[in-house]
Amino acid sequence: MYEDIMNKPALDVEDVQNWLGIGRDQAYALCKSGKFHTVKIGRRIKIPTNGFMRWFNGQQD
């Protein structure tokens, strides 16, 4: 699973949900929290993989 995520330039909310083992509502709330950069394209939320992984590993931008 780690390789699958690292090969994507941007993640979907579902990827974040699966990676962290959290529910759908929690994943959306986290993406809207501002803890890492997100891009909204229409109704979709995309998360740059590098930024998400920096946040996950406790590194600051």
PDB file of N, CA and C in Angstrom:
ATOM      1  N   MET A   1       0.821  -1.201   0.000  1.00  0.00           N
ATOM      2  CA  MET A   1       0.000   0.000   0.000  1.00  0.00           C
ATOM      3  C   MET A   1       0.861   1.260   0.000  1.00  0.00           C
ATOM      4  N   TYR A   2       1.978   1.243   0.722  1.00  0.00           N
ATOM      5  CA  TYR A   2       2.869   2.400   0.777  1.00  0.00           C
ATOM      6  C   TYR A   2       3.355   2.773  -0.616  1.00  0.00           C
ATOM      7  N   GLU A   3       3.733   1.768  -1.400  1.00  0.00           N
ATOM      8  CA  GLU A   3       4.221   2.028  -2.752  1.00  0.00           C
ATOM      9  C   GLU A   3       3.130   2.621  -3.628  1.00  0.00           C
ATOM     10  N   ASP A   4       1.895   2.154  -3.460  1.00  0.00           N
ATOM     11  CA  ASP A   4       0.776   2.677  -4.247  1.00  0.00           C
ATOM     12  C   ASP A   4       0.601   4.169  -4.011  1.00  0.00           C
ATOM     13  N   ILE A   5       0.654   4.583  -2.753  1.00  0.00           N
ATOM     14  CA  ILE A   5       0.475   5.997  -2.422  1.00  0.00           C
ATOM     15  C   ILE A   5       1.662   6.809  -2.912  1.00  0.00           C
ATOM     16  N   MET A   6       2.857   6.328  -2.720  1.00  0.00           N
ATOM     17  CA  MET A   6       4.046   7.089  -3.094  1.00  0.00           C
ATOM     18  C   MET A   6       4.180   7.252  -4.604  1.00  0.00           C
ATOM     19  N   ASN A   7       3.539   6.413  -5.378  1.00  0.00           N
ATOM     20  CA  ASN A   7       3.601   6.527  -6.831  1.00  0.00           C
ATOM     21  C   ASN A   7       2.586   7.519  -7.389  1.00  0.00           C
ATOM     22  N   LYS A   8       1.733   8.042  -6.558  1.00  0.00           N
ATOM     23  CA  LYS A   8       0.735   9.011  -7.008  1.00  0.00           C
ATOM     24  C   LYS A   8       1.222  10.423  -6.709  1.00  0.00           C
ATOM     25  N   PRO A   9       1.100  11.345  -7.647  1.00  0.00           N
ATOM     26  CA  PRO A   9       1.485  12.727  -7.354  1.00  0.00           C
ATOM     27  C   PRO A   9       0.500  13.408  -6.410  1.00  0.00           C
ATOM     28  N   ALA A  10      -0.757  12.968  -6.448  1.00  0.00           N
ATOM     29  CA  ALA A  10      -1.771  13.545  -5.571  1.00  0.00           C
ATOM     30  C   ALA A  10      -2.713  12.446  -5.105  1.00  0.00           C
ATOM     31  N   LEU A  11      -3.175  12.592  -3.871  1.00  0.00           N
ATOM     32  CA  LEU A  11      -4.048  11.609  -3.255  1.00  0.00           C
ATOM     33  C   LEU A  11      -5.497  12.086  -3.272  1.00  0.00           C
ATOM     34  N   ASP A  12      -6.405  11.153  -3.195  1.00  0.00           N
ATOM     35  CA  ASP A  12      -7.813  11.450  -2.981  1.00  0.00           C
ATOM     36  C   ASP A  12      -8.089  11.328  -1.490  1.00  0.00           C
ATOM     37  N   VAL A  13      -9.219  11.839  -1.062  1.00  0.00           N
ATOM     38  CA  VAL A  13      -9.604  11.713   0.344  1.00  0.00           C
ATOM     39  C   VAL A  13      -9.688  10.231   0.729  1.00  0.00           C
ATOM     40  N   GLU A  14     -10.142   9.404  -0.181  1.00  0.00           N
ATOM     41  CA  GLU A  14     -10.227   7.966   0.088  1.00  0.00           C
ATOM     42  C   GLU A  14      -8.854   7.364   0.369  1.00  0.00           C
ATOM     43  N   ASP A  15      -7.813   7.852  -0.318  1.00  0.00           N
ATOM     44  CA  ASP A  15      -6.453   7.377  -0.056  1.00  0.00           C
ATOM     45  C   ASP A  15      -6.030   7.727   1.371  1.00  0.00           C
ATOM     46  N   VAL A  16      -6.323   8.954   1.788  1.00  0.00           N
ATOM     47  CA  VAL A  16      -6.005   9.392   3.148  1.00  0.00           C
ATOM     48  C   VAL A  16      -6.769   8.524   4.148  1.00  0.00           C
ATOM     49  N   GLN A  17      -8.022   8.290   3.872  1.00  0.00           N
ATOM     50  CA  GLN A  17      -8.866   7.467   4.728  1.00  0.00           C
ATOM     51  C   GLN A  17      -8.265   6.070   4.897  1.00  0.00           C
ATOM     52  N   ASN A  18      -7.909   5.442   3.797  1.00  0.00           N
ATOM     53  CA  ASN A  18      -7.345   4.092   3.847  1.00  0.00           C
ATOM     54  C   ASN A  18      -5.978   4.063   4.521  1.00  0.00           C
ATOM     55  N   TRP A  19      -5.132   5.044   4.219  1.00  0.00           N
ATOM     56  CA  TRP A  19      -3.787   5.098   4.787  1.00  0.00           C
ATOM     57  C   TRP A  19      -3.835   5.214   6.302  1.00  0.00           C
ATOM     58  N   LEU A  20      -4.748   6.059   6.820  1.00  0.00           N
ATOM     59  CA  LEU A  20      -4.819   6.299   8.257  1.00  0.00           C
ATOM     60  C   LEU A  20      -5.778   5.351   8.981  1.00  0.00           C
ATOM     61  N   GLY A  21      -6.587   4.628   8.219  1.00  0.00           N
ATOM     62  CA  GLY A  21      -7.542   3.722   8.840  1.00  0.00           C
ATOM     63  C   GLY A  21      -8.637   4.453   9.588  1.00  0.00           C
ATOM     64  N   ILE A  22      -9.114   5.546   9.004  1.00  0.00           N
ATOM     65  CA  ILE A  22     -10.160   6.347   9.635  1.00  0.00           C
ATOM     66  C   ILE A  22     -11.397   6.342   8.753  1.00  0.00           C
ATOM     67  N   GLY A  23     -12.479   6.852   9.288  1.00  0.00           N
ATOM     68  CA  GLY A  23     -13.730   6.897   8.546  1.00  0.00           C
ATOM     69  C   GLY A  23     -13.756   8.025   7.527  1.00  0.00           C
ATOM     70  N   ARG A  24     -14.743   7.965   6.663  1.00  0.00           N
ATOM     71  CA  ARG A  24     -14.890   8.948   5.583  1.00  0.00           C
ATOM     72  C   ARG A  24     -15.061  10.361   6.131  1.00  0.00           C
ATOM     73  N   ASP A  25     -15.942  10.529   7.109  1.00  0.00           N
ATOM     74  CA  ASP A  25     -16.166  11.860   7.675  1.00  0.00           C
ATOM     75  C   ASP A  25     -14.914  12.403   8.347  1.00  0.00           C
ATOM     76  N   GLN A  26     -14.186  11.539   9.046  1.00  0.00           N
ATOM     77  CA  GLN A  26     -12.941  11.963   9.678  1.00  0.00           C
ATOM     78  C   GLN A  26     -11.908  12.386   8.635  1.00  0.00           C
ATOM     79  N   ALA A  27     -11.833  11.661   7.535  1.00  0.00           N
ATOM     80  CA  ALA A  27     -10.879  11.988   6.475  1.00  0.00           C
ATOM     81  C   ALA A  27     -11.200  13.349   5.862  1.00  0.00           C
ATOM     82  N   TYR A  28     -12.479  13.604   5.594  1.00  0.00           N
ATOM     83  CA  TYR A  28     -12.862  14.912   5.054  1.00  0.00           C
ATOM     84  C   TYR A  28     -12.577  16.022   6.047  1.00  0.00           C
ATOM     85  N   ALA A  29     -12.869  15.793   7.317  1.00  0.00           N
ATOM     86  CA  ALA A  29     -12.602  16.807   8.345  1.00  0.00           C
ATOM     87  C   ALA A  29     -11.105  17.102   8.430  1.00  0.00           C
ATOM     88  N   LEU A  30     -10.276  16.072   8.359  1.00  0.00           N
ATOM     89  CA  LEU A  30      -8.830  16.261   8.404  1.00  0.00           C
ATOM     90  C   LEU A  30      -8.357  17.065   7.198  1.00  0.00           C
ATOM     91  N   CYS A  31      -8.876  16.745   6.026  1.00  0.00           N
ATOM     92  CA  CYS A  31      -8.473  17.467   4.817  1.00  0.00           C
ATOM     93  C   CYS A  31      -8.899  18.932   4.870  1.00  0.00           C
ATOM     94  N   LYS A  32      -9.996  19.210   5.530  1.00  0.00           N
ATOM     95  CA  LYS A  32     -10.473  20.589   5.648  1.00  0.00           C
ATOM     96  C   LYS A  32      -9.837  21.333   6.818  1.00  0.00           C
ATOM     97  N   SER A  33      -9.058  20.631   7.647  1.00  0.00           N
ATOM     98  CA  SER A  33      -8.491  21.223   8.862  1.00  0.00           C
ATOM     99  C   SER A  33      -7.349  22.202   8.595  1.00  0.00           C
ATOM    100  N   GLY A  34      -6.739  22.120   7.410  1.00  0.00           N
ATOM    101  CA  GLY A  34      -5.623  23.004   7.101  1.00  0.00           C
ATOM    102  C   GLY A  34      -4.281  22.485   7.602  1.00  0.00           C
ATOM    103  N   LYS A  35      -4.232  21.260   8.078  1.00  0.00           N
ATOM    104  CA  LYS A  35      -2.979  20.701   8.590  1.00  0.00           C
ATOM    105  C   LYS A  35      -1.986  20.388   7.472  1.00  0.00           C
ATOM    106  N   PHE A  36      -2.487  20.208   6.266  1.00  0.00           N
ATOM    107  CA  PHE A  36      -1.648  20.023   5.082  1.00  0.00           C
ATOM    108  C   PHE A  36      -2.379  20.639   3.894  1.00  0.00           C
ATOM    109  N   HIS A  37      -1.630  20.898   2.845  1.00  0.00           N
ATOM    110  CA  HIS A  37      -2.174  21.571   1.663  1.00  0.00           C
ATOM    111  C   HIS A  37      -3.135  20.657   0.906  1.00  0.00           C
ATOM    112  N   THR A  38      -4.239  21.221   0.492  1.00  0.00           N
ATOM    113  CA  THR A  38      -5.192  20.511  -0.357  1.00  0.00           C
ATOM    114  C   THR A  38      -5.558  21.407  -1.536  1.00  0.00           C
ATOM    115  N   VAL A  39      -6.024  20.791  -2.593  1.00  0.00           N
ATOM    116  CA  VAL A  39      -6.472  21.514  -3.774  1.00  0.00           C
ATOM    117  C   VAL A  39      -7.883  21.052  -4.082  1.00  0.00           C
ATOM    118  N   LYS A  40      -8.781  21.998  -4.231  1.00  0.00           N
ATOM    119  CA  LYS A  40     -10.152  21.646  -4.571  1.00  0.00           C
ATOM    120  C   LYS A  40     -10.335  21.844  -6.075  1.00  0.00           C
ATOM    121  N   ILE A  41     -10.768  20.789  -6.745  1.00  0.00           N
ATOM    122  CA  ILE A  41     -11.026  20.813  -8.187  1.00  0.00           C
ATOM    123  C   ILE A  41     -12.495  20.460  -8.358  1.00  0.00           C
ATOM    124  N   GLY A  42     -13.293  21.472  -8.607  1.00  0.00           N
ATOM    125  CA  GLY A  42     -14.732  21.249  -8.629  1.00  0.00           C
ATOM    126  C   GLY A  42     -15.168  20.820  -7.246  1.00  0.00           C
ATOM    127  N   ARG A  43     -15.756  19.646  -7.143  1.00  0.00           N
ATOM    128  CA  ARG A  43     -16.178  19.115  -5.850  1.00  0.00           C
ATOM    129  C   ARG A  43     -15.175  18.139  -5.254  1.00  0.00           C
ATOM    130  N   ARG A  44     -14.107  17.874  -5.997  1.00  0.00           N
ATOM    131  CA  ARG A  44     -13.094  16.905  -5.542  1.00  0.00           C
ATOM    132  C   ARG A  44     -11.990  17.600  -4.757  1.00  0.00           C
ATOM    133  N   ILE A  45     -11.462  16.893  -3.785  1.00  0.00           N
ATOM    134  CA  ILE A  45     -10.324  17.376  -3.008  1.00  0.00           C
ATOM    135  C   ILE A  45      -9.138  16.492  -3.346  1.00  0.00           C
ATOM    136  N   LYS A  46      -8.032  17.128  -3.741  1.00  0.00           N
ATOM    137  CA  LYS A  46      -6.791  16.406  -4.026  1.00  0.00           C
ATOM    138  C   LYS A  46      -5.738  16.875  -3.019  1.00  0.00           C
ATOM    139  N   ILE A  47      -4.898  15.942  -2.593  1.00  0.00           N
ATOM    140  CA  ILE A  47      -3.879  16.219  -1.601  1.00  0.00           C
ATOM    141  C   ILE A  47      -2.527  15.850  -2.202  1.00  0.00           C
ATOM    142  N   PRO A  48      -1.619  16.826  -2.357  1.00  0.00           N
ATOM    143  CA  PRO A  48      -0.287  16.485  -2.856  1.00  0.00           C
ATOM    144  C   PRO A  48       0.377  15.458  -1.940  1.00  0.00           C
ATOM    145  N   THR A  49       0.860  14.385  -2.516  1.00  0.00           N
ATOM    146  CA  THR A  49       1.413  13.272  -1.741  1.00  0.00           C
ATOM    147  C   THR A  49       2.583  13.708  -0.869  1.00  0.00           C
ATOM    148  N   ASN A  50       3.502  14.481  -1.422  1.00  0.00           N
ATOM    149  CA  ASN A  50       4.676  14.897  -0.648  1.00  0.00           C
ATOM    150  C   ASN A  50       4.287  15.687   0.590  1.00  0.00           C
ATOM    151  N   GLY A  51       3.355  16.617   0.444  1.00  0.00           N
ATOM    152  CA  GLY A  51       2.905  17.416   1.584  1.00  0.00           C
ATOM    153  C   GLY A  51       2.207  16.574   2.634  1.00  0.00           C
ATOM    154  N   PHE A  52       1.387  15.629   2.189  1.00  0.00           N
ATOM    155  CA  PHE A  52       0.695  14.751   3.139  1.00  0.00           C
ATOM    156  C   PHE A  52       1.697  13.905   3.905  1.00  0.00           C
ATOM    157  N   MET A  53       2.683  13.351   3.214  1.00  0.00           N
ATOM    158  CA  MET A  53       3.661  12.495   3.873  1.00  0.00           C
ATOM    159  C   MET A  53       4.542  13.296   4.834  1.00  0.00           C
ATOM    160  N   ARG A  54       4.865  14.554   4.500  1.00  0.00           N
ATOM    161  CA  ARG A  54       5.610  15.403   5.437  1.00  0.00           C
ATOM    162  C   ARG A  54       4.793  15.608   6.707  1.00  0.00           C
ATOM    163  N   TRP A  55       3.495  15.901   6.547  1.00  0.00           N
ATOM    164  CA  TRP A  55       2.624  16.064   7.711  1.00  0.00           C
ATOM    165  C   TRP A  55       2.574  14.767   8.512  1.00  0.00           C
ATOM    166  N   PHE A  56       2.376  13.659   7.848  1.00  0.00           N
ATOM    167  CA  PHE A  56       2.258  12.358   8.514  1.00  0.00           C
ATOM    168  C   PHE A  56       3.517  12.036   9.317  1.00  0.00           C
ATOM    169  N   ASN A  57       4.678  12.393   8.782  1.00  0.00           N
ATOM    170  CA  ASN A  57       5.948  12.124   9.441  1.00  0.00           C
ATOM    171  C   ASN A  57       6.341  13.195  10.448  1.00  0.00           C
ATOM    172  N   GLY A  58       5.477  14.195  10.653  1.00  0.00           N
ATOM    173  CA  GLY A  58       5.735  15.234  11.651  1.00  0.00           C
ATOM    174  C   GLY A  58       6.715  16.292  11.210  1.00  0.00           C
ATOM    175  N   GLN A  59       6.938  16.397   9.916  1.00  0.00           N
ATOM    176  CA  GLN A  59       7.860  17.408   9.398  1.00  0.00           C
ATOM    177  C   GLN A  59       7.071  18.647   9.021  1.00  0.00           C
ATOM    178  N   GLN A  60       7.665  19.791   9.240  1.00  0.00           N
ATOM    179  CA  GLN A  60       6.999  21.037   8.887  1.00  0.00           C
ATOM    180  C   GLN A  60       7.445  21.509   7.530  1.00  0.00           C
ATOM    181  N   ASP A  61       6.565  22.267   6.866  1.00  0.00           N
ATOM    182  CA  ASP A  61       6.903  22.811   5.534  1.00  0.00           C
ATOM    183  C   ASP A  61       7.963  23.860   5.626  1.00  0.00           C
TER     184      ASP A  61
END
